[in-house]
Amino acid sequence: MMKKKSKSVDVAVISNAATGMNRGDELPYAIQPTVSLPDKVAEVLREMILSGKWAPGDRIVETRIARQLKVGQPTVREALGKLEEAGMVRRYPNSGCVVTQLSAQEISQMFSVRIELECLAAALAATSTNPQKRTLLNAALAKLQQAALEGAVEDYYRVDFNFHKTIWQLAENQFLEKFLSQLVIPLFNFAILELTKDKRMDFKADASAHSRLAKAILSGDPGHARETAKTVLGDFWHKGLTFVQERKLPHRRNGIV
């Protein structure tokens, strides 16, 4: 939970020795020594953003995170660099990092590019000869459909992202996958933190649209896959654009974490 008085989020390692924390301030994972430390720190910070505990526009204080996680500041800086590459934070000269906050114009521009690139990815995936294509895509779709039935918002968008990531990987173009990842991660953050407030979102209908996309890709027809991707993504963006206009984004918090 955000502490209103200080407008900050305390960051602490989950351990048996961790005491005196508010429940909402607890990080979702402990640092494991068998994993690359910067990667693990990046994962912990990523969870804080995706969970909504750190909101768009919040300033991230490296020294505070380093102290609470009991790691060096260079490790935190490297971890934030990974999140910056993923589009989850932005670094400003003399100001440090802030959680990425997208304006309505930026969201519109990013989604326009995303549609073009993902339509290409769908077409390439349709022509892929990967013997595991059907298994991988159907497995990703099954998880999405299950999440839609359960109605867990954050879980739904996580498996939704993994579904699209499967398509990018099946396209077998590392540059396309990288560019889409950089574009889509901030958009999914926006979906988790903003679109989920819109109770009109129908996850079952959305999962059904993803099913149509999966079938189009598995048909092996790149033209059909491209057009289906354009329709599915266009419909989602139309709903998102309506929400953005109604919410009059962005709403800046200027918090400190």
C-alpha atoms as a PDB file:
ATOM      1  CA  MET A   1       0.000   0.000   0.000  1.00  0.00           C
ATOM      2  CA  MET A   2       1.162   3.549  -0.612  1.00  0.00           C
ATOM      3  CA  LYS A   3       1.920   5.511   2.551  1.00  0.00           C
ATOM      4  CA  LYS A   4      -0.015   8.731   2.036  1.00  0.00           C
ATOM      5  CA  LYS A   5       2.049  10.763   4.458  1.00  0.00           C
ATOM      6  CA  SER A   6       5.379  10.230   2.701  1.00  0.00           C
ATOM      7  CA  LYS A   7       3.974   9.398  -0.729  1.00  0.00           C
ATOM      8  CA  SER A   8       6.416   6.535  -1.004  1.00  0.00           C
ATOM      9  CA  VAL A   9       6.568   2.794  -1.087  1.00  0.00           C
ATOM     10  CA  ASP A  10       9.078   1.125   1.216  1.00  0.00           C
ATOM     11  CA  VAL A  11      10.918  -1.739  -0.444  1.00  0.00           C
ATOM     12  CA  ALA A  12      12.014  -4.692   1.686  1.00  0.00           C
ATOM     13  CA  VAL A  13      13.255  -8.220   1.182  1.00  0.00           C
ATOM     14  CA  ILE A  14      10.848 -11.009   2.111  1.00  0.00           C
ATOM     15  CA  SER A  15      12.683 -12.961   4.766  1.00  0.00           C
ATOM     16  CA  ASN A  16      12.145 -14.351   8.219  1.00  0.00           C
ATOM     17  CA  ALA A  17      13.952 -11.334   9.598  1.00  0.00           C
ATOM     18  CA  ALA A  18      11.740  -8.803   7.825  1.00  0.00           C
ATOM     19  CA  THR A  19       9.461  -7.188  10.383  1.00  0.00           C
ATOM     20  CA  GLY A  20       7.492  -4.026  10.874  1.00  0.00           C
ATOM     21  CA  MET A  21       6.274  -3.781   7.259  1.00  0.00           C
ATOM     22  CA  ASN A  22       2.829  -3.015   5.974  1.00  0.00           C
ATOM     23  CA  ARG A  23       1.389  -5.981   4.083  1.00  0.00           C
ATOM     24  CA  GLY A  24       1.065  -4.016   0.873  1.00  0.00           C
ATOM     25  CA  ASP A  25       4.722  -3.014   0.952  1.00  0.00           C
ATOM     26  CA  GLU A  26       6.015  -6.578   0.891  1.00  0.00           C
ATOM     27  CA  LEU A  27       7.868  -7.607  -2.238  1.00  0.00           C
ATOM     28  CA  PRO A  28       6.543 -10.731  -3.955  1.00  0.00           C
ATOM     29  CA  TYR A  29       9.840 -12.611  -4.054  1.00  0.00           C
ATOM     30  CA  ALA A  30      13.004 -13.046  -2.036  1.00  0.00           C
ATOM     31  CA  ILE A  31      16.385 -12.662  -3.685  1.00  0.00           C
ATOM     32  CA  GLN A  32      17.720 -16.119  -4.555  1.00  0.00           C
ATOM     33  CA  PRO A  33      21.512 -16.545  -4.673  1.00  0.00           C
ATOM     34  CA  THR A  34      21.314 -19.072  -7.507  1.00  0.00           C
ATOM     35  CA  VAL A  35      19.898 -16.445  -9.896  1.00  0.00           C
ATOM     36  CA  SER A  36      21.748 -13.505 -11.443  1.00  0.00           C
ATOM     37  CA  LEU A  37      21.351 -10.760  -8.857  1.00  0.00           C
ATOM     38  CA  PRO A  38      20.538  -7.907 -11.280  1.00  0.00           C
ATOM     39  CA  ASP A  39      18.015 -10.151 -13.052  1.00  0.00           C
ATOM     40  CA  LYS A  40      16.368 -11.088  -9.774  1.00  0.00           C
ATOM     41  CA  VAL A  41      16.227  -7.494  -8.594  1.00  0.00           C
ATOM     42  CA  ALA A  42      14.728  -6.536 -11.957  1.00  0.00           C
ATOM     43  CA  GLU A  43      12.064  -9.224 -11.517  1.00  0.00           C
ATOM     44  CA  VAL A  44      11.191  -7.982  -8.034  1.00  0.00           C
ATOM     45  CA  LEU A  45      10.886  -4.389  -9.255  1.00  0.00           C
ATOM     46  CA  ARG A  46       8.872  -5.548 -12.273  1.00  0.00           C
ATOM     47  CA  GLU A  47       6.389  -7.216  -9.936  1.00  0.00           C
ATOM     48  CA  MET A  48       6.017  -4.018  -7.934  1.00  0.00           C
ATOM     49  CA  ILE A  49       5.036  -2.194 -11.127  1.00  0.00           C
ATOM     50  CA  LEU A  50       2.752  -4.870 -12.527  1.00  0.00           C
ATOM     51  CA  SER A  51       0.982  -5.292  -9.205  1.00  0.00           C
ATOM     52  CA  GLY A  52       0.137  -1.599  -9.178  1.00  0.00           C
ATOM     53  CA  LYS A  53       2.091  -0.918  -5.953  1.00  0.00           C
ATOM     54  CA  TRP A  54       4.242   1.426  -7.984  1.00  0.00           C
ATOM     55  CA  ALA A  55       2.127   3.579 -10.258  1.00  0.00           C
ATOM     56  CA  PRO A  56       2.937   5.361 -13.532  1.00  0.00           C
ATOM     57  CA  GLY A  57       4.869   8.541 -12.791  1.00  0.00           C
ATOM     58  CA  ASP A  58       6.296   7.354  -9.456  1.00  0.00           C
ATOM     59  CA  ARG A  59       9.969   8.237  -8.994  1.00  0.00           C
ATOM     60  CA  ILE A  60      12.286   5.345  -8.111  1.00  0.00           C
ATOM     61  CA  VAL A  61      15.044   6.052  -5.573  1.00  0.00           C
ATOM     62  CA  GLU A  62      17.988   3.715  -6.199  1.00  0.00           C
ATOM     63  CA  THR A  63      19.611   4.238  -2.810  1.00  0.00           C
ATOM     64  CA  ARG A  64      16.425   3.317  -0.958  1.00  0.00           C
ATOM     65  CA  ILE A  65      15.935   0.137  -2.975  1.00  0.00           C
ATOM     66  CA  ALA A  66      19.584  -0.850  -2.553  1.00  0.00           C
ATOM     67  CA  ARG A  67      19.381  -0.362   1.206  1.00  0.00           C
ATOM     68  CA  GLN A  68      16.151  -2.304   1.623  1.00  0.00           C
ATOM     69  CA  LEU A  69      17.172  -5.174  -0.660  1.00  0.00           C
ATOM     70  CA  LYS A  70      20.666  -5.204   0.853  1.00  0.00           C
ATOM     71  CA  VAL A  71      22.375  -5.045  -2.524  1.00  0.00           C
ATOM     72  CA  GLY A  72      24.777  -2.548  -4.061  1.00  0.00           C
ATOM     73  CA  GLN A  73      23.451   0.510  -5.846  1.00  0.00           C
ATOM     74  CA  PRO A  74      25.202  -0.538  -9.101  1.00  0.00           C
ATOM     75  CA  THR A  75      23.145  -3.760  -8.988  1.00  0.00           C
ATOM     76  CA  VAL A  76      19.934  -1.746  -8.661  1.00  0.00           C
ATOM     77  CA  ARG A  77      21.038   0.545 -11.492  1.00  0.00           C
ATOM     78  CA  GLU A  78      21.715  -2.465 -13.722  1.00  0.00           C
ATOM     79  CA  ALA A  79      18.316  -3.943 -12.838  1.00  0.00           C
ATOM     80  CA  LEU A  80      16.607  -0.661 -13.682  1.00  0.00           C
ATOM     81  CA  GLY A  81      18.499  -0.625 -16.960  1.00  0.00           C
ATOM     82  CA  LYS A  82      16.835  -3.917 -17.852  1.00  0.00           C
ATOM     83  CA  LEU A  83      13.418  -2.456 -17.050  1.00  0.00           C
ATOM     84  CA  GLU A  84      14.269   0.622 -19.098  1.00  0.00           C
ATOM     85  CA  GLU A  85      15.062  -1.587 -22.083  1.00  0.00           C
ATOM     86  CA  ALA A  86      11.685  -3.247 -21.599  1.00  0.00           C
ATOM     87  CA  GLY A  87       9.956   0.138 -21.532  1.00  0.00           C
ATOM     88  CA  MET A  88       8.738  -0.204 -17.943  1.00  0.00           C
ATOM     89  CA  VAL A  89      10.739   2.722 -16.542  1.00  0.00           C
ATOM     90  CA  ARG A  90      12.235   5.859 -17.988  1.00  0.00           C
ATOM     91  CA  ARG A  91      15.483   7.516 -16.945  1.00  0.00           C
ATOM     92  CA  TYR A  92      15.763  11.297 -16.960  1.00  0.00           C
ATOM     93  CA  PRO A  93      18.986  13.318 -16.589  1.00  0.00           C
ATOM     94  CA  ASN A  94      19.510  14.520 -13.013  1.00  0.00           C
ATOM     95  CA  SER A  95      16.189  12.975 -11.979  1.00  0.00           C
ATOM     96  CA  GLY A  96      16.782   9.212 -12.017  1.00  0.00           C
ATOM     97  CA  CYS A  97      14.144   6.705 -13.053  1.00  0.00           C
ATOM     98  CA  VAL A  98      10.382   6.931 -12.969  1.00  0.00           C
ATOM     99  CA  VAL A  99       7.758   4.298 -13.689  1.00  0.00           C
ATOM    100  CA  THR A 100       6.748   4.788 -17.313  1.00  0.00           C
ATOM    101  CA  GLN A 101       3.683   6.956 -17.709  1.00  0.00           C
ATOM    102  CA  LEU A 102       2.194   7.087 -21.182  1.00  0.00           C
ATOM    103  CA  SER A 103       0.157   9.967 -22.521  1.00  0.00           C
ATOM    104  CA  ALA A 104      -2.907   9.295 -24.662  1.00  0.00           C
ATOM    105  CA  GLN A 105      -0.906  10.342 -27.737  1.00  0.00           C
ATOM    106  CA  GLU A 106       1.965   7.985 -26.919  1.00  0.00           C
ATOM    107  CA  ILE A 107      -0.417   5.084 -26.366  1.00  0.00           C
ATOM    108  CA  SER A 108      -2.088   5.745 -29.696  1.00  0.00           C
ATOM    109  CA  GLN A 109       1.215   5.973 -31.552  1.00  0.00           C
ATOM    110  CA  MET A 110       2.617   2.840 -29.925  1.00  0.00           C
ATOM    111  CA  PHE A 111      -0.476   0.793 -30.623  1.00  0.00           C
ATOM    112  CA  SER A 112      -0.517   1.856 -34.277  1.00  0.00           C
ATOM    113  CA  VAL A 113       3.037   0.559 -34.663  1.00  0.00           C
ATOM    114  CA  ARG A 114       2.202  -2.551 -32.663  1.00  0.00           C
ATOM    115  CA  ILE A 115      -0.658  -3.489 -34.982  1.00  0.00           C
ATOM    116  CA  GLU A 116       1.589  -3.297 -38.051  1.00  0.00           C
ATOM    117  CA  LEU A 117       4.393  -5.322 -36.472  1.00  0.00           C
ATOM    118  CA  GLU A 118       2.161  -7.940 -34.877  1.00  0.00           C
ATOM    119  CA  CYS A 119       0.257  -8.480 -38.120  1.00  0.00           C
ATOM    120  CA  LEU A 120       3.631  -9.239 -39.695  1.00  0.00           C
ATOM    121  CA  ALA A 121       4.474 -11.589 -36.813  1.00  0.00           C
ATOM    122  CA  ALA A 122       1.161 -13.432 -37.267  1.00  0.00           C
ATOM    123  CA  ALA A 123       1.812 -13.859 -40.987  1.00  0.00           C
ATOM    124  CA  LEU A 124       5.326 -15.183 -40.365  1.00  0.00           C
ATOM    125  CA  ALA A 125       4.080 -17.499 -37.622  1.00  0.00           C
ATOM    126  CA  ALA A 126       1.511 -18.917 -40.058  1.00  0.00           C
ATOM    127  CA  THR A 127       4.298 -19.961 -42.424  1.00  0.00           C
ATOM    128  CA  SER A 128       6.515 -21.317 -39.642  1.00  0.00           C
ATOM    129  CA  THR A 129       7.504 -24.966 -39.994  1.00  0.00           C
ATOM    130  CA  ASN A 130       8.231 -25.329 -36.290  1.00  0.00           C
ATOM    131  CA  PRO A 131       6.928 -28.834 -35.401  1.00  0.00           C
ATOM    132  CA  GLN A 132       5.845 -27.562 -31.976  1.00  0.00           C
ATOM    133  CA  LYS A 133       3.822 -24.653 -33.369  1.00  0.00           C
ATOM    134  CA  ARG A 134       0.378 -26.152 -32.827  1.00  0.00           C
ATOM    135  CA  THR A 135       1.263 -27.463 -29.362  1.00  0.00           C
ATOM    136  CA  LEU A 136       2.817 -24.191 -28.183  1.00  0.00           C
ATOM    137  CA  LEU A 137       0.050 -21.944 -29.504  1.00  0.00           C
ATOM    138  CA  ASN A 138      -2.779 -24.147 -28.254  1.00  0.00           C
ATOM    139  CA  ALA A 139      -1.155 -24.376 -24.813  1.00  0.00           C
ATOM    140  CA  ALA A 140      -0.867 -20.579 -24.600  1.00  0.00           C
ATOM    141  CA  LEU A 141      -4.488 -20.224 -25.730  1.00  0.00           C
ATOM    142  CA  ALA A 142      -5.713 -22.761 -23.159  1.00  0.00           C
ATOM    143  CA  LYS A 143      -4.090 -20.778 -20.338  1.00  0.00           C
ATOM    144  CA  LEU A 144      -5.706 -17.600 -21.642  1.00  0.00           C
ATOM    145  CA  GLN A 145      -9.139 -19.204 -21.792  1.00  0.00           C
ATOM    146  CA  GLN A 146      -8.749 -20.570 -18.268  1.00  0.00           C
ATOM    147  CA  ALA A 147      -7.722 -17.153 -16.942  1.00  0.00           C
ATOM    148  CA  ALA A 148     -10.780 -15.633 -18.626  1.00  0.00           C
ATOM    149  CA  LEU A 149     -13.034 -18.120 -16.851  1.00  0.00           C
ATOM    150  CA  GLU A 150     -11.414 -17.435 -13.490  1.00  0.00           C
ATOM    151  CA  GLY A 151     -11.721 -13.683 -13.971  1.00  0.00           C
ATOM    152  CA  ALA A 152      -8.391 -12.857 -12.307  1.00  0.00           C
ATOM    153  CA  VAL A 153      -7.524  -9.608 -14.023  1.00  0.00           C
ATOM    154  CA  GLU A 154      -3.780  -9.487 -13.446  1.00  0.00           C
ATOM    155  CA  ASP A 155      -3.377 -13.191 -14.265  1.00  0.00           C
ATOM    156  CA  TYR A 156      -5.383 -12.715 -17.449  1.00  0.00           C
ATOM    157  CA  TYR A 157      -3.105 -10.019 -18.803  1.00  0.00           C
ATOM    158  CA  ARG A 158      -0.026 -12.035 -17.880  1.00  0.00           C
ATOM    159  CA  VAL A 159      -1.122 -15.054 -19.900  1.00  0.00           C
ATOM    160  CA  ASP A 160      -2.405 -12.718 -22.617  1.00  0.00           C
ATOM    161  CA  PHE A 161       1.095 -11.290 -22.956  1.00  0.00           C
ATOM    162  CA  ASN A 162       2.550 -14.812 -23.056  1.00  0.00           C
ATOM    163  CA  PHE A 163       0.091 -15.757 -25.806  1.00  0.00           C
ATOM    164  CA  HIS A 164       1.292 -12.887 -27.978  1.00  0.00           C
ATOM    165  CA  LYS A 165       4.913 -13.607 -27.076  1.00  0.00           C
ATOM    166  CA  THR A 166       4.397 -17.154 -28.365  1.00  0.00           C
ATOM    167  CA  ILE A 167       3.287 -15.721 -31.705  1.00  0.00           C
ATOM    168  CA  TRP A 168       6.353 -13.465 -31.872  1.00  0.00           C
ATOM    169  CA  GLN A 169       8.637 -16.405 -31.142  1.00  0.00           C
ATOM    170  CA  LEU A 170       6.951 -18.527 -33.802  1.00  0.00           C
ATOM    171  CA  ALA A 171       7.633 -15.734 -36.284  1.00  0.00           C
ATOM    172  CA  GLU A 172      11.309 -16.688 -35.838  1.00  0.00           C
ATOM    173  CA  ASN A 173      12.636 -13.155 -36.258  1.00  0.00           C
ATOM    174  CA  GLN A 174      14.628 -12.005 -33.241  1.00  0.00           C
ATOM    175  CA  PHE A 175      14.456  -8.328 -34.178  1.00  0.00           C
ATOM    176  CA  LEU A 176      10.696  -8.395 -34.623  1.00  0.00           C
ATOM    177  CA  GLU A 177      10.316 -10.129 -31.257  1.00  0.00           C
ATOM    178  CA  LYS A 178      12.558  -7.564 -29.550  1.00  0.00           C
ATOM    179  CA  PHE A 179      10.768  -4.554 -31.039  1.00  0.00           C
ATOM    180  CA  LEU A 180       7.336  -5.954 -30.185  1.00  0.00           C
ATOM    181  CA  SER A 181       8.400  -6.718 -26.634  1.00  0.00           C
ATOM    182  CA  GLN A 182       9.643  -3.152 -26.130  1.00  0.00           C
ATOM    183  CA  LEU A 183       6.393  -1.778 -27.516  1.00  0.00           C
ATOM    184  CA  VAL A 184       3.908  -4.122 -25.912  1.00  0.00           C
ATOM    185  CA  ILE A 185       5.189  -4.387 -22.331  1.00  0.00           C
ATOM    186  CA  PRO A 186       4.336  -0.737 -21.520  1.00  0.00           C
ATOM    187  CA  LEU A 187       0.966  -1.209 -23.210  1.00  0.00           C
ATOM    188  CA  PHE A 188       0.227  -4.272 -21.088  1.00  0.00           C
ATOM    189  CA  ASN A 189       1.238  -2.306 -17.994  1.00  0.00           C
ATOM    190  CA  PHE A 190      -1.296   0.281 -19.064  1.00  0.00           C
ATOM    191  CA  ALA A 191      -3.896  -2.466 -19.555  1.00  0.00           C
ATOM    192  CA  ILE A 192      -3.271  -3.899 -16.092  1.00  0.00           C
ATOM    193  CA  LEU A 193      -3.209  -0.562 -14.283  1.00  0.00           C
ATOM    194  CA  GLU A 194      -5.862   1.327 -16.227  1.00  0.00           C
ATOM    195  CA  LEU A 195      -8.068  -0.792 -18.490  1.00  0.00           C
ATOM    196  CA  THR A 196      -8.823  -3.213 -15.665  1.00  0.00           C
ATOM    197  CA  LYS A 197     -10.670  -0.394 -13.899  1.00  0.00           C
ATOM    198  CA  ASP A 198     -13.209  -0.532 -16.718  1.00  0.00           C
ATOM    199  CA  LYS A 199     -15.812  -3.071 -15.596  1.00  0.00           C
ATOM    200  CA  ARG A 200     -17.079  -3.358 -19.161  1.00  0.00           C
ATOM    201  CA  MET A 201     -14.067  -5.437 -20.170  1.00  0.00           C
ATOM    202  CA  ASP A 202     -15.321  -8.870 -21.274  1.00  0.00           C
ATOM    203  CA  PHE A 203     -12.441 -11.317 -20.822  1.00  0.00           C
ATOM    204  CA  LYS A 204     -14.353 -14.272 -22.244  1.00  0.00           C
ATOM    205  CA  ALA A 205     -15.074 -12.373 -25.453  1.00  0.00           C
ATOM    206  CA  ASP A 206     -11.455 -11.260 -25.598  1.00  0.00           C
ATOM    207  CA  ALA A 207     -10.249 -14.853 -25.183  1.00  0.00           C
ATOM    208  CA  SER A 208     -12.620 -15.896 -27.981  1.00  0.00           C
ATOM    209  CA  ALA A 209     -11.025 -13.297 -30.260  1.00  0.00           C
ATOM    210  CA  HIS A 210      -7.592 -14.725 -29.412  1.00  0.00           C
ATOM    211  CA  SER A 211      -8.908 -18.157 -30.333  1.00  0.00           C
ATOM    212  CA  ARG A 212      -9.798 -16.867 -33.797  1.00  0.00           C
ATOM    213  CA  LEU A 213      -6.285 -15.494 -34.156  1.00  0.00           C
ATOM    214  CA  ALA A 214      -4.715 -18.800 -33.108  1.00  0.00           C
ATOM    215  CA  LYS A 215      -6.854 -20.711 -35.631  1.00  0.00           C
ATOM    216  CA  ALA A 216      -5.915 -18.278 -38.394  1.00  0.00           C
ATOM    217  CA  ILE A 217      -2.206 -18.752 -37.680  1.00  0.00           C
ATOM    218  CA  LEU A 218      -2.564 -22.533 -37.527  1.00  0.00           C
ATOM    219  CA  SER A 219      -4.372 -22.483 -40.881  1.00  0.00           C
ATOM    220  CA  GLY A 220      -1.003 -21.815 -42.491  1.00  0.00           C
ATOM    221  CA  ASP A 221      -2.425 -18.944 -44.561  1.00  0.00           C
ATOM    222  CA  PRO A 222      -0.292 -15.824 -43.894  1.00  0.00           C
ATOM    223  CA  GLY A 223      -2.856 -13.490 -45.494  1.00  0.00           C
ATOM    224  CA  HIS A 224      -5.665 -14.824 -43.325  1.00  0.00           C
ATOM    225  CA  ALA A 225      -3.456 -14.644 -40.218  1.00  0.00           C
ATOM    226  CA  ARG A 226      -2.482 -11.044 -40.979  1.00  0.00           C
ATOM    227  CA  GLU A 227      -6.082  -9.884 -41.498  1.00  0.00           C
ATOM    228  CA  THR A 228      -7.330 -11.688 -38.396  1.00  0.00           C
ATOM    229  CA  ALA A 229      -4.577 -10.133 -36.287  1.00  0.00           C
ATOM    230  CA  LYS A 230      -5.492  -6.695 -37.650  1.00  0.00           C
ATOM    231  CA  THR A 231      -9.156  -7.215 -36.742  1.00  0.00           C
ATOM    232  CA  VAL A 232      -8.507  -8.615 -33.262  1.00  0.00           C
ATOM    233  CA  LEU A 233      -5.967  -5.954 -32.312  1.00  0.00           C
ATOM    234  CA  GLY A 234      -8.017  -3.194 -33.899  1.00  0.00           C
ATOM    235  CA  ASP A 235     -11.104  -4.146 -31.903  1.00  0.00           C
ATOM    236  CA  PHE A 236      -9.126  -4.181 -28.662  1.00  0.00           C
ATOM    237  CA  TRP A 237      -7.567  -0.823 -29.424  1.00  0.00           C
ATOM    238  CA  HIS A 238     -10.974   0.684 -30.190  1.00  0.00           C
ATOM    239  CA  LYS A 239     -12.108  -0.307 -26.686  1.00  0.00           C
ATOM    240  CA  GLY A 240      -8.885   0.986 -25.163  1.00  0.00           C
ATOM    241  CA  LEU A 241      -9.079   4.281 -27.050  1.00  0.00           C
ATOM    242  CA  THR A 242     -12.604   4.855 -25.779  1.00  0.00           C
ATOM    243  CA  PHE A 243     -11.373   4.276 -22.229  1.00  0.00           C
ATOM    244  CA  VAL A 244      -8.391   6.606 -22.682  1.00  0.00           C
ATOM    245  CA  GLN A 245     -10.647   9.379 -23.931  1.00  0.00           C
ATOM    246  CA  GLU A 246     -13.057   8.898 -21.045  1.00  0.00           C
ATOM    247  CA  ARG A 247     -10.269   8.881 -18.457  1.00  0.00           C
ATOM    248  CA  LYS A 248      -8.482  11.866 -20.025  1.00  0.00           C
ATOM    249  CA  LEU A 249      -5.061  10.315 -19.463  1.00  0.00           C
ATOM    250  CA  PRO A 250      -2.477  10.880 -18.192  1.00  0.00           C
ATOM    251  CA  HIS A 251      -3.161  11.455 -14.488  1.00  0.00           C
ATOM    252  CA  ARG A 252       0.185  12.186 -12.813  1.00  0.00           C
ATOM    253  CA  ARG A 253       0.818  11.081  -9.246  1.00  0.00           C
ATOM    254  CA  ASN A 254       4.416  12.259  -8.772  1.00  0.00           C
ATOM    255  CA  GLY A 255       4.964   9.742  -5.998  1.00  0.00           C
ATOM    256  CA  ILE A 256       8.324   8.460  -4.791  1.00  0.00           C
ATOM    257  CA  VAL A 257       9.220   4.783  -4.382  1.00  0.00           C
END
